[in-house]
PDB file of all heavy atoms in Angstrom:
ATOM      1  N   LYS A   1       0.796  -1.216   0.000  1.00  0.00           N
ATOM      2  CA  LYS A   1      -0.031  -0.029  -0.116  1.00  0.00           C
ATOM      3  C   LYS A   1       0.814   1.251   0.024  1.00  0.00           C
ATOM      4  O   LYS A   1       0.550   2.214  -0.624  1.00  0.00           O
ATOM      5  CB  LYS A   1      -0.867   0.037   1.155  1.00  0.00           C
ATOM      6  CG  LYS A   1      -2.013  -0.990   1.049  1.00  0.00           C
ATOM      7  CD  LYS A   1      -3.023  -0.956   2.266  1.00  0.00           C
ATOM      8  CE  LYS A   1      -4.196  -1.931   2.176  1.00  0.00           C
ATOM      9  NZ  LYS A   1      -4.971  -1.900   3.334  1.00  0.00           N
ATOM     10  N   ALA A   2       1.999   1.301   0.706  1.00  0.00           N
ATOM     11  CA  ALA A   2       2.822   2.335   0.784  1.00  0.00           C
ATOM     12  C   ALA A   2       3.523   2.639  -0.532  1.00  0.00           C
ATOM     13  O   ALA A   2       3.609   3.796  -0.996  1.00  0.00           O
ATOM     14  CB  ALA A   2       3.926   2.163   1.797  1.00  0.00           C
ATOM     15  N   TRP A   3       3.888   1.657  -1.190  1.00  0.00           N
ATOM     16  CA  TRP A   3       4.452   1.706  -2.545  1.00  0.00           C
ATOM     17  C   TRP A   3       3.347   2.317  -3.589  1.00  0.00           C
ATOM     18  O   TRP A   3       3.692   3.174  -4.422  1.00  0.00           O
ATOM     19  CB  TRP A   3       5.089   0.327  -3.107  1.00  0.00           C
ATOM     20  CG  TRP A   3       6.244  -0.005  -2.479  1.00  0.00           C
ATOM     21  CD1 TRP A   3       7.206   0.775  -1.904  1.00  0.00           C
ATOM     22  CD2 TRP A   3       6.655  -1.388  -2.311  1.00  0.00           C
ATOM     23  NE1 TRP A   3       8.179  -0.057  -1.390  1.00  0.00           N
ATOM     24  CE2 TRP A   3       7.989  -1.342  -1.539  1.00  0.00           C
ATOM     25  CE3 TRP A   3       6.148  -2.555  -2.618  1.00  0.00           C
ATOM     26  CZ2 TRP A   3       8.532  -2.435  -1.184  1.00  0.00           C
ATOM     27  CZ3 TRP A   3       6.772  -3.796  -2.136  1.00  0.00           C
ATOM     28  CH2 TRP A   3       8.138  -3.690  -1.592  1.00  0.00           C
ATOM     29  N   GLN A   4       2.223   1.726  -3.471  1.00  0.00           N
ATOM     30  CA  GLN A   4       1.190   2.249  -4.362  1.00  0.00           C
ATOM     31  C   GLN A   4       0.765   3.701  -4.064  1.00  0.00           C
ATOM     32  O   GLN A   4       0.638   4.460  -5.014  1.00  0.00           O
ATOM     33  CB  GLN A   4      -0.150   1.446  -4.178  1.00  0.00           C
ATOM     34  CG  GLN A   4       0.042   0.025  -4.784  1.00  0.00           C
ATOM     35  CD  GLN A   4      -1.084  -0.961  -4.474  1.00  0.00           C
ATOM     36  OE1 GLN A   4      -1.663  -0.851  -3.463  1.00  0.00           O
ATOM     37  NE2 GLN A   4      -1.385  -1.824  -5.464  1.00  0.00           N
ATOM     38  N   ALA A   5       0.837   4.034  -2.799  1.00  0.00           N
ATOM     39  CA  ALA A   5       0.518   5.492  -2.476  1.00  0.00           C
ATOM     40  C   ALA A   5       1.586   6.397  -2.905  1.00  0.00           C
ATOM     41  O   ALA A   5       1.399   7.608  -3.239  1.00  0.00           O
ATOM     42  CB  ALA A   5       0.401   5.571  -0.871  1.00  0.00           C
ATOM     43  N   ALA A   6       2.833   5.844  -3.049  1.00  0.00           N
ATOM     44  CA  ALA A   6       3.913   6.709  -3.617  1.00  0.00           C
ATOM     45  C   ALA A   6       3.856   6.724  -5.127  1.00  0.00           C
ATOM     46  O   ALA A   6       4.727   7.227  -5.859  1.00  0.00           O
ATOM     47  CB  ALA A   6       5.249   6.176  -3.192  1.00  0.00           C
ATOM     48  N   GLY A   7       2.895   6.099  -5.770  1.00  0.00           N
ATOM     49  CA  GLY A   7       2.751   6.064  -7.244  1.00  0.00           C
ATOM     50  C   GLY A   7       3.264   5.065  -7.965  1.00  0.00           C
ATOM     51  O   GLY A   7       3.357   5.017  -9.218  1.00  0.00           O
ATOM     52  N   GLU A   8       3.782   3.993  -7.227  1.00  0.00           N
ATOM     53  CA  GLU A   8       4.420   2.845  -7.970  1.00  0.00           C
ATOM     54  C   GLU A   8       3.323   1.832  -8.334  1.00  0.00           C
ATOM     55  O   GLU A   8       2.254   1.689  -7.624  1.00  0.00           O
ATOM     56  CB  GLU A   8       5.449   2.088  -6.983  1.00  0.00           C
ATOM     57  CG  GLU A   8       6.662   3.038  -6.749  1.00  0.00           C
ATOM     58  CD  GLU A   8       7.653   2.290  -5.939  1.00  0.00           C
ATOM     59  OE1 GLU A   8       7.825   1.083  -6.252  1.00  0.00           O
ATOM     60  OE2 GLU A   8       8.205   2.859  -4.968  1.00  0.00           O
ATOM     61  N   ARG A   9       3.516   1.117  -9.540  1.00  0.00           N
ATOM     62  CA  ARG A   9       2.706   0.057  -9.747  1.00  0.00           C
ATOM     63  C   ARG A   9       3.404  -1.225  -9.363  1.00  0.00           C
ATOM     64  O   ARG A   9       4.515  -1.531  -9.600  1.00  0.00           O
ATOM     65  CB  ARG A   9       2.354   0.006 -11.267  1.00  0.00           C
ATOM     66  CG  ARG A   9       1.485   1.116 -11.660  1.00  0.00           C
ATOM     67  CD  ARG A   9       1.230   1.199 -13.168  1.00  0.00           C
ATOM     68  NE  ARG A   9       2.502   1.692 -13.840  1.00  0.00           N
ATOM     69  CZ  ARG A   9       2.716   1.615 -15.023  1.00  0.00           C
ATOM     70  NH1 ARG A   9       1.965   0.976 -15.845  1.00  0.00           N
ATOM     71  NH2 ARG A   9       3.861   2.067 -15.565  1.00  0.00           N
ATOM     72  N   VAL A  10       2.706  -2.057  -8.590  1.00  0.00           N
ATOM     73  CA  VAL A  10       3.177  -3.288  -7.924  1.00  0.00           C
ATOM     74  C   VAL A  10       2.824  -4.536  -8.719  1.00  0.00           C
ATOM     75  O   VAL A  10       1.545  -4.727  -8.835  1.00  0.00           O
ATOM     76  CB  VAL A  10       2.802  -3.415  -6.512  1.00  0.00           C
ATOM     77  CG1 VAL A  10       3.488  -4.555  -5.834  1.00  0.00           C
ATOM     78  CG2 VAL A  10       3.304  -2.033  -5.777  1.00  0.00           C
ATOM     79  N   VAL A  11       3.777  -5.239  -9.075  1.00  0.00           N
ATOM     80  CA  VAL A  11       3.515  -6.641  -9.491  1.00  0.00           C
ATOM     81  C   VAL A  11       4.037  -7.620  -8.492  1.00  0.00           C
ATOM     82  O   VAL A  11       5.203  -7.549  -8.037  1.00  0.00           O
ATOM     83  CB  VAL A  11       4.346  -6.976 -10.921  1.00  0.00           C
ATOM     84  CG1 VAL A  11       4.054  -8.397 -11.291  1.00  0.00           C
ATOM     85  CG2 VAL A  11       3.876  -6.056 -11.947  1.00  0.00           C
ATOM     86  N   MET A  12       3.089  -8.425  -7.934  1.00  0.00           N
ATOM     87  CA  MET A  12       3.455  -9.275  -6.822  1.00  0.00           C
ATOM     88  C   MET A  12       3.511 -10.717  -7.292  1.00  0.00           C
ATOM     89  O   MET A  12       2.509 -11.190  -7.903  1.00  0.00           O
ATOM     90  CB  MET A  12       2.436  -9.075  -5.647  1.00  0.00           C
ATOM     91  CG  MET A  12       2.560 -10.057  -4.520  1.00  0.00           C
ATOM     92  SD  MET A  12       4.111  -9.745  -3.559  1.00  0.00           S
ATOM     93  CE  MET A  12       4.044 -10.981  -2.396  1.00  0.00           C
ATOM     94  N   VAL A  13       4.418 -11.544  -6.957  1.00  0.00           N
ATOM     95  CA  VAL A  13       4.607 -12.879  -7.272  1.00  0.00           C
ATOM     96  C   VAL A  13       4.648 -13.627  -5.843  1.00  0.00           C
ATOM     97  O   VAL A  13       5.480 -13.341  -5.096  1.00  0.00           O
ATOM     98  CB  VAL A  13       5.847 -13.346  -8.090  1.00  0.00           C
ATOM     99  CG1 VAL A  13       5.882 -14.719  -8.459  1.00  0.00           C
ATOM    100  CG2 VAL A  13       5.850 -12.483  -9.323  1.00  0.00           C
ATOM    101  N   GLY A  14       3.662 -14.606  -5.648  1.00  0.00           N
ATOM    102  CA  GLY A  14       3.637 -15.243  -4.418  1.00  0.00           C
ATOM    103  C   GLY A  14       2.872 -16.572  -4.627  1.00  0.00           C
ATOM    104  O   GLY A  14       2.108 -16.741  -5.515  1.00  0.00           O
ATOM    105  N   ASP A  15       3.138 -17.466  -3.770  1.00  0.00           N
ATOM    106  CA  ASP A  15       2.550 -18.722  -3.777  1.00  0.00           C
ATOM    107  C   ASP A  15       2.020 -19.289  -2.481  1.00  0.00           C
ATOM    108  O   ASP A  15       1.310 -20.426  -2.342  1.00  0.00           O
ATOM    109  CB  ASP A  15       3.296 -19.713  -4.503  1.00  0.00           C
ATOM    110  CG  ASP A  15       4.511 -20.264  -3.741  1.00  0.00           C
ATOM    111  OD1 ASP A  15       4.907 -19.561  -2.730  1.00  0.00           O
ATOM    112  OD2 ASP A  15       5.303 -21.083  -4.170  1.00  0.00           O
ATOM    113  N   GLY A  16       2.309 -18.587  -1.345  1.00  0.00           N
ATOM    114  CA  GLY A  16       1.878 -19.047  -0.088  1.00  0.00           C
ATOM    115  C   GLY A  16       0.549 -18.560   0.306  1.00  0.00           C
ATOM    116  O   GLY A  16       0.040 -17.420  -0.038  1.00  0.00           O
ATOM    117  N   ILE A  17      -0.198 -19.228   1.196  1.00  0.00           N
ATOM    118  CA  ILE A  17      -1.504 -18.784   1.621  1.00  0.00           C
ATOM    119  C   ILE A  17      -1.440 -17.370   2.233  1.00  0.00           C
ATOM    120  O   ILE A  17      -2.343 -16.506   2.144  1.00  0.00           O
ATOM    121  CB  ILE A  17      -2.210 -19.856   2.598  1.00  0.00           C
ATOM    122  CG1 ILE A  17      -2.590 -20.993   1.831  1.00  0.00           C
ATOM    123  CG2 ILE A  17      -3.483 -19.349   3.389  1.00  0.00           C
ATOM    124  CD1 ILE A  17      -3.084 -22.144   2.471  1.00  0.00           C
ATOM    125  N   ASN A  18      -0.395 -17.075   3.064  1.00  0.00           N
ATOM    126  CA  ASN A  18      -0.135 -15.875   3.601  1.00  0.00           C
ATOM    127  C   ASN A  18       0.066 -14.776   2.585  1.00  0.00           C
ATOM    128  O   ASN A  18       0.028 -13.519   3.040  1.00  0.00           O
ATOM    129  CB  ASN A  18       1.000 -15.882   4.667  1.00  0.00           C
ATOM    130  CG  ASN A  18       2.216 -16.199   4.043  1.00  0.00           C
ATOM    131  OD1 ASN A  18       2.372 -16.703   2.902  1.00  0.00           O
ATOM    132  ND2 ASN A  18       3.325 -15.986   4.734  1.00  0.00           N
ATOM    133  N   ASP A  19       0.220 -15.058   1.349  1.00  0.00           N
ATOM    134  CA  ASP A  19       0.415 -14.076   0.326  1.00  0.00           C
ATOM    135  C   ASP A  19      -0.908 -13.649  -0.197  1.00  0.00           C
ATOM    136  O   ASP A  19      -0.962 -12.646  -1.085  1.00  0.00           O
ATOM    137  CB  ASP A  19       1.324 -14.582  -0.856  1.00  0.00           C
ATOM    138  CG  ASP A  19       2.698 -14.736  -0.523  1.00  0.00           C
ATOM    139  OD1 ASP A  19       3.217 -13.975   0.418  1.00  0.00           O
ATOM    140  OD2 ASP A  19       3.400 -15.803  -0.875  1.00  0.00           O
ATOM    141  N   ALA A  20      -2.090 -14.260  -0.007  1.00  0.00           N
ATOM    142  CA  ALA A  20      -3.355 -14.013  -0.576  1.00  0.00           C
ATOM    143  C   ALA A  20      -3.728 -12.545  -0.377  1.00  0.00           C
ATOM    144  O   ALA A  20      -4.110 -11.905  -1.438  1.00  0.00           O
ATOM    145  CB  ALA A  20      -4.418 -14.960  -0.001  1.00  0.00           C
ATOM    146  N   PRO A  21      -3.571 -11.881   0.773  1.00  0.00           N
ATOM    147  CA  PRO A  21      -4.050 -10.444   0.915  1.00  0.00           C
ATOM    148  C   PRO A  21      -3.265  -9.606   0.062  1.00  0.00           C
ATOM    149  O   PRO A  21      -3.655  -8.652  -0.556  1.00  0.00           O
ATOM    150  CB  PRO A  21      -3.787 -10.209   2.381  1.00  0.00           C
ATOM    151  CG  PRO A  21      -3.826 -11.476   3.069  1.00  0.00           C
ATOM    152  CD  PRO A  21      -3.264 -12.350   2.029  1.00  0.00           C
ATOM    153  N   VAL A  22      -1.878  -9.860  -0.031  1.00  0.00           N
ATOM    154  CA  VAL A  22      -0.915  -9.074  -0.767  1.00  0.00           C
ATOM    155  C   VAL A  22      -1.215  -9.147  -2.221  1.00  0.00           C
ATOM    156  O   VAL A  22      -1.140  -8.224  -3.155  1.00  0.00           O
ATOM    157  CB  VAL A  22       0.532  -9.388  -0.476  1.00  0.00           C
ATOM    158  CG1 VAL A  22       1.520  -8.390  -1.270  1.00  0.00           C
ATOM    159  CG2 VAL A  22       0.701  -9.286   1.003  1.00  0.00           C
ATOM    160  N   LEU A  23      -1.443 -10.359  -2.706  1.00  0.00           N
ATOM    161  CA  LEU A  23      -1.806 -10.617  -4.097  1.00  0.00           C
ATOM    162  C   LEU A  23      -3.081  -9.835  -4.550  1.00  0.00           C
ATOM    163  O   LEU A  23      -3.238  -9.377  -5.574  1.00  0.00           O
ATOM    164  CB  LEU A  23      -1.925 -12.282  -4.432  1.00  0.00           C
ATOM    165  CG  LEU A  23      -0.674 -12.956  -4.397  1.00  0.00           C
ATOM    166  CD1 LEU A  23      -0.923 -14.443  -4.405  1.00  0.00           C
ATOM    167  CD2 LEU A  23       0.261 -12.625  -5.507  1.00  0.00           C
ATOM    168  N   ALA A  24      -4.065  -9.892  -3.660  1.00  0.00           N
ATOM    169  CA  ALA A  24      -5.322  -9.230  -3.935  1.00  0.00           C
ATOM    170  C   ALA A  24      -5.131  -7.632  -3.972  1.00  0.00           C
ATOM    171  O   ALA A  24      -5.688  -6.889  -4.726  1.00  0.00           O
ATOM    172  CB  ALA A  24      -6.396  -9.429  -2.752  1.00  0.00           C
ATOM    173  N   GLN A  25      -4.169  -7.135  -3.221  1.00  0.00           N
ATOM    174  CA  GLN A  25      -3.905  -5.677  -3.196  1.00  0.00           C
ATOM    175  C   GLN A  25      -2.976  -5.143  -4.419  1.00  0.00           C
ATOM    176  O   GLN A  25      -3.184  -4.071  -4.888  1.00  0.00           O
ATOM    177  CB  GLN A  25      -3.162  -5.313  -1.918  1.00  0.00           C
ATOM    178  CG  GLN A  25      -2.734  -3.768  -1.748  1.00  0.00           C
ATOM    179  CD  GLN A  25      -4.053  -2.985  -1.744  1.00  0.00           C
ATOM    180  OE1 GLN A  25      -5.037  -3.268  -1.084  1.00  0.00           O
ATOM    181  NE2 GLN A  25      -3.940  -1.821  -2.298  1.00  0.00           N
ATOM    182  N   ALA A  26      -2.116  -5.985  -4.886  1.00  0.00           N
ATOM    183  CA  ALA A  26      -1.133  -5.596  -5.894  1.00  0.00           C
ATOM    184  C   ALA A  26      -1.902  -5.229  -7.165  1.00  0.00           C
ATOM    185  O   ALA A  26      -2.973  -5.646  -7.466  1.00  0.00           O
ATOM    186  CB  ALA A  26      -0.218  -6.800  -6.116  1.00  0.00           C
ATOM    187  N   ASP A  27      -1.291  -4.340  -7.925  1.00  0.00           N
ATOM    188  CA  ASP A  27      -1.825  -3.911  -9.192  1.00  0.00           C
ATOM    189  C   ASP A  27      -2.017  -5.116 -10.150  1.00  0.00           C
ATOM    190  O   ASP A  27      -2.956  -5.298 -10.851  1.00  0.00           O
ATOM    191  CB  ASP A  27      -0.981  -2.870  -9.851  1.00  0.00           C
ATOM    192  CG  ASP A  27      -0.919  -1.598  -8.988  1.00  0.00           C
ATOM    193  OD1 ASP A  27      -2.035  -0.955  -8.729  1.00  0.00           O
ATOM    194  OD2 ASP A  27       0.168  -1.283  -8.537  1.00  0.00           O
TER     195      ASP A  27
END
């Protein structure tokens, strides 16, 4: 969220269940 607020577009690569919220937030 901080990176996005700074104007960055975020591509997230993840495969763990704990990554689900971050994957949903990423651009």
